[in-house]
Amino acid sequence: QRLLAQTKGELGVLIQKEQQRQDALAAARARA
């Protein structure tokens, strides 16, 4: 259970970083 909680936490961090990257790309497309 602890391993699952740790993995979900790491997954959340990766998703957050990916979301930030997608937001930056979306802003660039919006300016273009």
Full PDB file with SEQRES, HELIX, SHEET, SSBOND, CRYST1, ORIGX, SCALE, CONECT and MASTER records, all heavy atoms in Angstrom:
SEQRES   1 A   32  GLN ARG LEU LEU ALA GLN THR LYS GLY GLU LEU GLY VAL          
SEQRES   2 A   32  LEU ILE GLN LYS GLU GLN GLN ARG GLN ASP ALA LEU ALA          
SEQRES   3 A   32  ALA ALA ARG ALA ARG ALA                                      
HELIX    1 AA1 ARG A    2  ARG A   31  1                                  30    
CRYST1    1.000    1.000    1.000  90.00  90.00  90.00 P 1           1          
ORIGX1      1.000000  0.000000  0.000000        0.00000                         
ORIGX2      0.000000  1.000000  0.000000        0.00000                         
ORIGX3      0.000000  0.000000  1.000000        0.00000                         
SCALE1      1.000000  0.000000  0.000000        0.00000                         
SCALE2      0.000000  1.000000  0.000000        0.00000                         
SCALE3      0.000000  0.000000  1.000000        0.00000                         
ATOM      1  N   GLN A   1       0.834  -1.204   0.000  1.00  0.00           N  
ATOM      2  CA  GLN A   1       0.000   0.000   0.000  1.00  0.00           C  
ATOM      3  C   GLN A   1       0.869   1.255   0.000  1.00  0.00           C  
ATOM      4  O   GLN A   1       0.568   2.240  -0.687  1.00  0.00           O  
ATOM      5  CB  GLN A   1      -0.931  -0.003   1.223  1.00  0.00           C  
ATOM      6  CG  GLN A   1      -2.049  -1.026   1.166  1.00  0.00           C  
ATOM      7  CD  GLN A   1      -3.169  -0.634   0.229  1.00  0.00           C  
ATOM      8  OE1 GLN A   1      -3.071   0.372  -0.471  1.00  0.00           O  
ATOM      9  NE2 GLN A   1      -4.237  -1.414   0.206  1.00  0.00           N  
ATOM     10  N   ARG A   2       1.949   1.219   0.775  1.00  0.00           N  
ATOM     11  CA  ARG A   2       2.867   2.367   0.777  1.00  0.00           C  
ATOM     12  C   ARG A   2       3.519   2.538  -0.594  1.00  0.00           C  
ATOM     13  O   ARG A   2       3.701   3.673  -1.073  1.00  0.00           O  
ATOM     14  CB  ARG A   2       3.937   2.176   1.860  1.00  0.00           C  
ATOM     15  CG  ARG A   2       3.416   2.308   3.283  1.00  0.00           C  
ATOM     16  CD  ARG A   2       4.560   2.401   4.277  1.00  0.00           C  
ATOM     17  NE  ARG A   2       5.372   1.196   4.296  1.00  0.00           N  
ATOM     18  CZ  ARG A   2       5.143   0.158   5.084  1.00  0.00           C  
ATOM     19  NH1 ARG A   2       4.101   0.176   5.927  1.00  0.00           N  
ATOM     20  NH2 ARG A   2       5.922  -0.902   5.067  1.00  0.00           N  
ATOM     21  N   LEU A   3       3.885   1.417  -1.220  1.00  0.00           N  
ATOM     22  CA  LEU A   3       4.489   1.496  -2.551  1.00  0.00           C  
ATOM     23  C   LEU A   3       3.501   2.075  -3.559  1.00  0.00           C  
ATOM     24  O   LEU A   3       3.874   2.898  -4.410  1.00  0.00           O  
ATOM     25  CB  LEU A   3       4.941   0.099  -2.998  1.00  0.00           C  
ATOM     26  CG  LEU A   3       5.600   0.009  -4.383  1.00  0.00           C  
ATOM     27  CD1 LEU A   3       6.820   0.902  -4.467  1.00  0.00           C  
ATOM     28  CD2 LEU A   3       5.957  -1.439  -4.704  1.00  0.00           C  
ATOM     29  N   LEU A   4       2.225   1.692  -3.465  1.00  0.00           N  
ATOM     30  CA  LEU A   4       1.216   2.226  -4.368  1.00  0.00           C  
ATOM     31  C   LEU A   4       1.050   3.728  -4.144  1.00  0.00           C  
ATOM     32  O   LEU A   4       0.956   4.501  -5.103  1.00  0.00           O  
ATOM     33  CB  LEU A   4      -0.111   1.507  -4.165  1.00  0.00           C  
ATOM     34  CG  LEU A   4      -1.280   2.018  -5.007  1.00  0.00           C  
ATOM     35  CD1 LEU A   4      -0.967   1.881  -6.492  1.00  0.00           C  
ATOM     36  CD2 LEU A   4      -2.563   1.279  -4.651  1.00  0.00           C  
ATOM     37  N   ALA A   5       1.004   4.153  -2.874  1.00  0.00           N  
ATOM     38  CA  ALA A   5       0.856   5.582  -2.583  1.00  0.00           C  
ATOM     39  C   ALA A   5       2.046   6.367  -3.140  1.00  0.00           C  
ATOM     40  O   ALA A   5       1.884   7.461  -3.704  1.00  0.00           O  
ATOM     41  CB  ALA A   5       0.727   5.794  -1.080  1.00  0.00           C  
ATOM     42  N   GLN A   6       3.258   5.824  -2.993  1.00  0.00           N  
ATOM     43  CA  GLN A   6       4.445   6.490  -3.520  1.00  0.00           C  
ATOM     44  C   GLN A   6       4.373   6.592  -5.045  1.00  0.00           C  
ATOM     45  O   GLN A   6       4.678   7.643  -5.637  1.00  0.00           O  
ATOM     46  CB  GLN A   6       5.688   5.718  -3.109  1.00  0.00           C  
ATOM     47  CG  GLN A   6       6.994   6.286  -3.685  1.00  0.00           C  
ATOM     48  CD  GLN A   6       8.194   5.413  -3.349  1.00  0.00           C  
ATOM     49  OE1 GLN A   6       8.128   4.557  -2.485  1.00  0.00           O  
ATOM     50  NE2 GLN A   6       9.287   5.634  -4.049  1.00  0.00           N  
ATOM     51  N   THR A   7       3.951   5.502  -5.690  1.00  0.00           N  
ATOM     52  CA  THR A   7       3.868   5.507  -7.147  1.00  0.00           C  
ATOM     53  C   THR A   7       2.828   6.507  -7.640  1.00  0.00           C  
ATOM     54  O   THR A   7       3.044   7.221  -8.620  1.00  0.00           O  
ATOM     55  CB  THR A   7       3.517   4.099  -7.652  1.00  0.00           C  
ATOM     56  OG1 THR A   7       4.505   3.169  -7.177  1.00  0.00           O  
ATOM     57  CG2 THR A   7       3.472   4.045  -9.167  1.00  0.00           C  
ATOM     58  N   LYS A   8       1.690   6.576  -6.941  1.00  0.00           N  
ATOM     59  CA  LYS A   8       0.673   7.549  -7.328  1.00  0.00           C  
ATOM     60  C   LYS A   8       1.185   8.975  -7.153  1.00  0.00           C  
ATOM     61  O   LYS A   8       0.878   9.864  -7.965  1.00  0.00           O  
ATOM     62  CB  LYS A   8      -0.589   7.339  -6.498  1.00  0.00           C  
ATOM     63  CG  LYS A   8      -1.377   6.099  -6.883  1.00  0.00           C  
ATOM     64  CD  LYS A   8      -2.639   5.975  -6.052  1.00  0.00           C  
ATOM     65  CE  LYS A   8      -3.486   4.785  -6.509  1.00  0.00           C  
ATOM     66  NZ  LYS A   8      -4.710   4.637  -5.699  1.00  0.00           N  
ATOM     67  N   GLY A   9       1.964   9.200  -6.083  1.00  0.00           N  
ATOM     68  CA  GLY A   9       2.548  10.530  -5.892  1.00  0.00           C  
ATOM     69  C   GLY A   9       3.502  10.895  -7.012  1.00  0.00           C  
ATOM     70  O   GLY A   9       3.482  12.028  -7.536  1.00  0.00           O  
ATOM     71  N   GLU A  10       4.363   9.958  -7.391  1.00  0.00           N  
ATOM     72  CA  GLU A  10       5.290  10.207  -8.497  1.00  0.00           C  
ATOM     73  C   GLU A  10       4.537  10.427  -9.805  1.00  0.00           C  
ATOM     74  O   GLU A  10       4.924  11.269 -10.623  1.00  0.00           O  
ATOM     75  CB  GLU A  10       6.250   9.019  -8.627  1.00  0.00           C  
ATOM     76  CG  GLU A  10       7.174   8.864  -7.421  1.00  0.00           C  
ATOM     77  CD  GLU A  10       7.947   7.561  -7.479  1.00  0.00           C  
ATOM     78  OE1 GLU A  10       7.652   6.734  -8.367  1.00  0.00           O  
ATOM     79  OE2 GLU A  10       8.848   7.373  -6.626  1.00  0.00           O  
ATOM     80  N   LEU A  11       3.444   9.679 -10.004  1.00  0.00           N  
ATOM     81  CA  LEU A  11       2.636   9.867 -11.202  1.00  0.00           C  
ATOM     82  C   LEU A  11       2.023  11.263 -11.223  1.00  0.00           C  
ATOM     83  O   LEU A  11       1.986  11.930 -12.269  1.00  0.00           O  
ATOM     84  CB  LEU A  11       1.536   8.804 -11.257  1.00  0.00           C  
ATOM     85  CG  LEU A  11       0.541   8.906 -12.417  1.00  0.00           C  
ATOM     86  CD1 LEU A  11       1.254   8.783 -13.753  1.00  0.00           C  
ATOM     87  CD2 LEU A  11      -0.545   7.829 -12.291  1.00  0.00           C  
ATOM     88  N   GLY A  12       1.560  11.732 -10.062  1.00  0.00           N  
ATOM     89  CA  GLY A  12       0.995  13.078  -9.989  1.00  0.00           C  
ATOM     90  C   GLY A  12       2.010  14.151 -10.353  1.00  0.00           C  
ATOM     91  O   GLY A  12       1.673  15.128 -11.042  1.00  0.00           O  
ATOM     92  N   VAL A  13       3.243  13.981  -9.894  1.00  0.00           N  
ATOM     93  CA  VAL A  13       4.294  14.953 -10.225  1.00  0.00           C  
ATOM     94  C   VAL A  13       4.546  14.963 -11.733  1.00  0.00           C  
ATOM     95  O   VAL A  13       4.665  16.033 -12.361  1.00  0.00           O  
ATOM     96  CB  VAL A  13       5.585  14.632  -9.451  1.00  0.00           C  
ATOM     97  CG1 VAL A  13       6.742  15.499  -9.947  1.00  0.00           C  
ATOM     98  CG2 VAL A  13       5.372  14.854  -7.952  1.00  0.00           C  
ATOM     99  N   LEU A  14       4.638  13.778 -12.334  1.00  0.00           N  
ATOM    100  CA  LEU A  14       4.874  13.705 -13.780  1.00  0.00           C  
ATOM    101  C   LEU A  14       3.718  14.335 -14.559  1.00  0.00           C  
ATOM    102  O   LEU A  14       3.942  15.048 -15.551  1.00  0.00           O  
ATOM    103  CB  LEU A  14       5.050  12.245 -14.199  1.00  0.00           C  
ATOM    104  CG  LEU A  14       6.340  11.549 -13.736  1.00  0.00           C  
ATOM    105  CD1 LEU A  14       6.297  10.076 -14.103  1.00  0.00           C  
ATOM    106  CD2 LEU A  14       7.567  12.223 -14.344  1.00  0.00           C  
ATOM    107  N   ILE A  15       2.502  14.065 -14.122  1.00  0.00           N  
ATOM    108  CA  ILE A  15       1.350  14.647 -14.817  1.00  0.00           C  
ATOM    109  C   ILE A  15       1.356  16.170 -14.693  1.00  0.00           C  
ATOM    110  O   ILE A  15       1.053  16.898 -15.651  1.00  0.00           O  
ATOM    111  CB  ILE A  15       0.044  14.048 -14.260  1.00  0.00           C  
ATOM    112  CG1 ILE A  15      -0.063  12.569 -14.656  1.00  0.00           C  
ATOM    113  CG2 ILE A  15      -1.159  14.820 -14.766  1.00  0.00           C  
ATOM    114  CD1 ILE A  15      -1.256  11.849 -14.068  1.00  0.00           C  
ATOM    115  N   GLN A  16       1.714  16.672 -13.501  1.00  0.00           N  
ATOM    116  CA  GLN A  16       1.765  18.124 -13.311  1.00  0.00           C  
ATOM    117  C   GLN A  16       2.806  18.763 -14.236  1.00  0.00           C  
ATOM    118  O   GLN A  16       2.543  19.807 -14.869  1.00  0.00           O  
ATOM    119  CB  GLN A  16       2.080  18.450 -11.851  1.00  0.00           C  
ATOM    120  CG  GLN A  16       2.078  19.936 -11.536  1.00  0.00           C  
ATOM    121  CD  GLN A  16       2.390  20.200 -10.082  1.00  0.00           C  
ATOM    122  OE1 GLN A  16       2.819  19.315  -9.354  1.00  0.00           O  
ATOM    123  NE2 GLN A  16       2.183  21.436  -9.649  1.00  0.00           N  
ATOM    124  N   LYS A  17       3.970  18.143 -14.319  1.00  0.00           N  
ATOM    125  CA  LYS A  17       5.006  18.680 -15.211  1.00  0.00           C  
ATOM    126  C   LYS A  17       4.554  18.632 -16.664  1.00  0.00           C  
ATOM    127  O   LYS A  17       4.795  19.561 -17.445  1.00  0.00           O  
ATOM    128  CB  LYS A  17       6.301  17.899 -15.033  1.00  0.00           C  
ATOM    129  CG  LYS A  17       6.971  18.129 -13.679  1.00  0.00           C  
ATOM    130  CD  LYS A  17       8.261  17.329 -13.586  1.00  0.00           C  
ATOM    131  CE  LYS A  17       8.965  17.606 -12.257  1.00  0.00           C  
ATOM    132  NZ  LYS A  17      10.219  16.826 -12.125  1.00  0.00           N  
ATOM    133  N   GLU A  18       3.913  17.548 -17.048  1.00  0.00           N  
ATOM    134  CA  GLU A  18       3.425  17.442 -18.420  1.00  0.00           C  
ATOM    135  C   GLU A  18       2.358  18.486 -18.692  1.00  0.00           C  
ATOM    136  O   GLU A  18       2.306  19.064 -19.797  1.00  0.00           O  
ATOM    137  CB  GLU A  18       2.874  16.030 -18.664  1.00  0.00           C  
ATOM    138  CG  GLU A  18       2.286  15.814 -20.045  1.00  0.00           C  
ATOM    139  CD  GLU A  18       3.305  15.969 -21.156  1.00  0.00           C  
ATOM    140  OE1 GLU A  18       4.518  15.904 -20.888  1.00  0.00           O  
ATOM    141  OE2 GLU A  18       2.881  16.130 -22.332  1.00  0.00           O  
ATOM    142  N   GLN A  19       1.513  18.744 -17.699  1.00  0.00           N  
ATOM    143  CA  GLN A  19       0.485  19.755 -17.880  1.00  0.00           C  
ATOM    144  C   GLN A  19       1.104  21.138 -18.077  1.00  0.00           C  
ATOM    145  O   GLN A  19       0.643  21.934 -18.906  1.00  0.00           O  
ATOM    146  CB  GLN A  19      -0.456  19.767 -16.674  1.00  0.00           C  
ATOM    147  CG  GLN A  19      -1.652  20.701 -16.817  1.00  0.00           C  
ATOM    148  CD  GLN A  19      -2.536  20.324 -17.990  1.00  0.00           C  
ATOM    149  OE1 GLN A  19      -2.946  19.177 -18.113  1.00  0.00           O  
ATOM    150  NE2 GLN A  19      -2.814  21.295 -18.867  1.00  0.00           N  
ATOM    151  N   GLN A  20       2.157  21.417 -17.295  1.00  0.00           N  
ATOM    152  CA  GLN A  20       2.851  22.699 -17.455  1.00  0.00           C  
ATOM    153  C   GLN A  20       3.456  22.822 -18.855  1.00  0.00           C  
ATOM    154  O   GLN A  20       3.418  23.901 -19.476  1.00  0.00           O  
ATOM    155  CB  GLN A  20       3.933  22.832 -16.386  1.00  0.00           C  
ATOM    156  CG  GLN A  20       3.390  22.985 -14.975  1.00  0.00           C  
ATOM    157  CD  GLN A  20       4.464  22.910 -13.921  1.00  0.00           C  
ATOM    158  OE1 GLN A  20       5.610  22.569 -14.222  1.00  0.00           O  
ATOM    159  NE2 GLN A  20       4.120  23.230 -12.679  1.00  0.00           N  
ATOM    160  N   ARG A  21       4.024  21.752 -19.368  1.00  0.00           N  
ATOM    161  CA  ARG A  21       4.600  21.779 -20.707  1.00  0.00           C  
ATOM    162  C   ARG A  21       3.521  22.012 -21.763  1.00  0.00           C  
ATOM    163  O   ARG A  21       3.687  22.801 -22.706  1.00  0.00           O  
ATOM    164  CB  ARG A  21       5.332  20.461 -20.980  1.00  0.00           C  
ATOM    165  CG  ARG A  21       6.143  20.469 -22.281  1.00  0.00           C  
ATOM    166  CD  ARG A  21       6.813  19.121 -22.487  1.00  0.00           C  
ATOM    167  NE  ARG A  21       5.851  18.099 -22.836  1.00  0.00           N  
ATOM    168  CZ  ARG A  21       5.441  17.873 -24.098  1.00  0.00           C  
ATOM    169  NH1 ARG A  21       5.902  18.619 -25.084  1.00  0.00           N  
ATOM    170  NH2 ARG A  21       4.581  16.922 -24.337  1.00  0.00           N  
ATOM    171  N   GLN A  22       2.392  21.319 -21.577  1.00  0.00           N  
ATOM    172  CA  GLN A  22       1.291  21.493 -22.516  1.00  0.00           C  
ATOM    173  C   GLN A  22       0.733  22.918 -22.468  1.00  0.00           C  
ATOM    174  O   GLN A  22       0.363  23.494 -23.500  1.00  0.00           O  
ATOM    175  CB  GLN A  22       0.173  20.483 -22.207  1.00  0.00           C  
ATOM    176  CG  GLN A  22       0.538  19.031 -22.457  1.00  0.00           C  
ATOM    177  CD  GLN A  22       0.754  18.730 -23.931  1.00  0.00           C  
ATOM    178  OE1 GLN A  22       0.272  19.456 -24.812  1.00  0.00           O  
ATOM    179  NE2 GLN A  22       1.493  17.661 -24.208  1.00  0.00           N  
ATOM    180  N   ASP A  23       0.683  23.493 -21.250  1.00  0.00           N  
ATOM    181  CA  ASP A  23       0.202  24.875 -21.118  1.00  0.00           C  
ATOM    182  C   ASP A  23       1.127  25.843 -21.858  1.00  0.00           C  
ATOM    183  O   ASP A  23       0.664  26.798 -22.517  1.00  0.00           O  
ATOM    184  CB  ASP A  23       0.097  25.264 -19.639  1.00  0.00           C  
ATOM    185  CG  ASP A  23      -1.021  24.523 -18.922  1.00  0.00           C  
ATOM    186  OD1 ASP A  23      -1.899  23.954 -19.610  1.00  0.00           O  
ATOM    187  OD2 ASP A  23      -1.016  24.502 -17.666  1.00  0.00           O  
ATOM    188  N   ALA A  24       2.435  25.623 -21.750  1.00  0.00           N  
ATOM    189  CA  ALA A  24       3.385  26.494 -22.441  1.00  0.00           C  
ATOM    190  C   ALA A  24       3.233  26.388 -23.953  1.00  0.00           C  
ATOM    191  O   ALA A  24       3.265  27.394 -24.687  1.00  0.00           O  
ATOM    192  CB  ALA A  24       4.812  26.138 -22.025  1.00  0.00           C  
ATOM    193  N   LEU A  25       3.049  25.167 -24.462  1.00  0.00           N  
ATOM    194  CA  LEU A  25       2.831  24.991 -25.885  1.00  0.00           C  
ATOM    195  C   LEU A  25       1.542  25.653 -26.338  1.00  0.00           C  
ATOM    196  O   LEU A  25       1.467  26.267 -27.421  1.00  0.00           O  
ATOM    197  CB  LEU A  25       2.789  23.494 -26.221  1.00  0.00           C  
ATOM    198  CG  LEU A  25       4.120  22.736 -26.125  1.00  0.00           C  
ATOM    199  CD1 LEU A  25       3.887  21.243 -26.364  1.00  0.00           C  
ATOM    200  CD2 LEU A  25       5.132  23.292 -27.122  1.00  0.00           C  
ATOM    201  N   ALA A  26       0.511  25.530 -25.492  1.00  0.00           N  
ATOM    202  CA  ALA A  26      -0.766  26.148 -25.845  1.00  0.00           C  
ATOM    203  C   ALA A  26      -0.640  27.661 -25.903  1.00  0.00           C  
ATOM    204  O   ALA A  26      -1.220  28.325 -26.792  1.00  0.00           O  
ATOM    205  CB  ALA A  26      -1.833  25.735 -24.832  1.00  0.00           C  
ATOM    206  N   ALA A  27       0.129  28.250 -24.966  1.00  0.00           N  
ATOM    207  CA  ALA A  27       0.320  29.712 -24.995  1.00  0.00           C  
ATOM    208  C   ALA A  27       1.054  30.147 -26.253  1.00  0.00           C  
ATOM    209  O   ALA A  27       0.716  31.178 -26.873  1.00  0.00           O  
ATOM    210  CB  ALA A  27       1.088  30.139 -23.747  1.00  0.00           C  
ATOM    211  N   ALA A  28       2.042  29.379 -26.681  1.00  0.00           N  
ATOM    212  CA  ALA A  28       2.782  29.711 -27.899  1.00  0.00           C  
ATOM    213  C   ALA A  28       1.882  29.623 -29.123  1.00  0.00           C  
ATOM    214  O   ALA A  28       1.927  30.487 -30.023  1.00  0.00           O  
ATOM    215  CB  ALA A  28       3.975  28.778 -28.053  1.00  0.00           C  
ATOM    216  N   ARG A  29       1.071  28.585 -29.176  1.00  0.00           N  
ATOM    217  CA  ARG A  29       0.142  28.472 -30.295  1.00  0.00           C  
ATOM    218  C   ARG A  29      -0.864  29.612 -30.293  1.00  0.00           C  
ATOM    219  O   ARG A  29      -1.260  30.120 -31.358  1.00  0.00           O  
ATOM    220  CB  ARG A  29      -0.580  27.118 -30.236  1.00  0.00           C  
ATOM    221  CG  ARG A  29       0.282  25.936 -30.655  1.00  0.00           C  
ATOM    222  CD  ARG A  29      -0.555  24.706 -30.883  1.00  0.00           C  
ATOM    223  NE  ARG A  29      -1.224  24.277 -29.661  1.00  0.00           N  
ATOM    224  CZ  ARG A  29      -0.729  23.390 -28.812  1.00  0.00           C  
ATOM    225  NH1 ARG A  29       0.466  22.852 -29.065  1.00  0.00           N  
ATOM    226  NH2 ARG A  29      -1.392  23.052 -27.732  1.00  0.00           N  
ATOM    227  N   ALA A  30      -1.282  30.014 -29.080  1.00  0.00           N  
ATOM    228  CA  ALA A  30      -2.248  31.119 -28.991  1.00  0.00           C  
ATOM    229  C   ALA A  30      -1.658  32.406 -29.535  1.00  0.00           C  
ATOM    230  O   ALA A  30      -2.337  33.179 -30.248  1.00  0.00           O  
ATOM    231  CB  ALA A  30      -2.699  31.298 -27.544  1.00  0.00           C  
ATOM    232  N   ARG A  31      -0.396  32.674 -29.216  1.00  0.00           N  
ATOM    233  CA  ARG A  31       0.242  33.895 -29.750  1.00  0.00           C  
ATOM    234  C   ARG A  31       0.397  33.825 -31.257  1.00  0.00           C  
ATOM    235  O   ARG A  31       0.213  34.836 -31.967  1.00  0.00           O  
ATOM    236  CB  ARG A  31       1.596  34.090 -29.075  1.00  0.00           C  
ATOM    237  CG  ARG A  31       1.497  34.487 -27.613  1.00  0.00           C  
ATOM    238  CD  ARG A  31       2.857  34.897 -27.073  1.00  0.00           C  
ATOM    239  NE  ARG A  31       3.818  33.791 -27.118  1.00  0.00           N  
ATOM    240  CZ  ARG A  31       4.006  32.947 -26.107  1.00  0.00           C  
ATOM    241  NH1 ARG A  31       3.282  33.068 -25.002  1.00  0.00           N  
ATOM    242  NH2 ARG A  31       4.888  31.985 -26.205  1.00  0.00           N  
ATOM    243  N   ALA A  32       0.724  32.663 -31.774  1.00  0.00           N  
ATOM    244  CA  ALA A  32       0.889  32.523 -33.226  1.00  0.00           C  
ATOM    245  C   ALA A  32      -0.435  32.689 -33.951  1.00  0.00           C  
ATOM    246  O   ALA A  32      -0.482  33.139 -35.112  1.00  0.00           O  
ATOM    247  CB  ALA A  32       1.500  31.162 -33.543  1.00  0.00           C  
TER     248      ALA A  32                                                      
MASTER        0    0    0    1    0    0    0    6  247    1    0    3          
END                                                                             
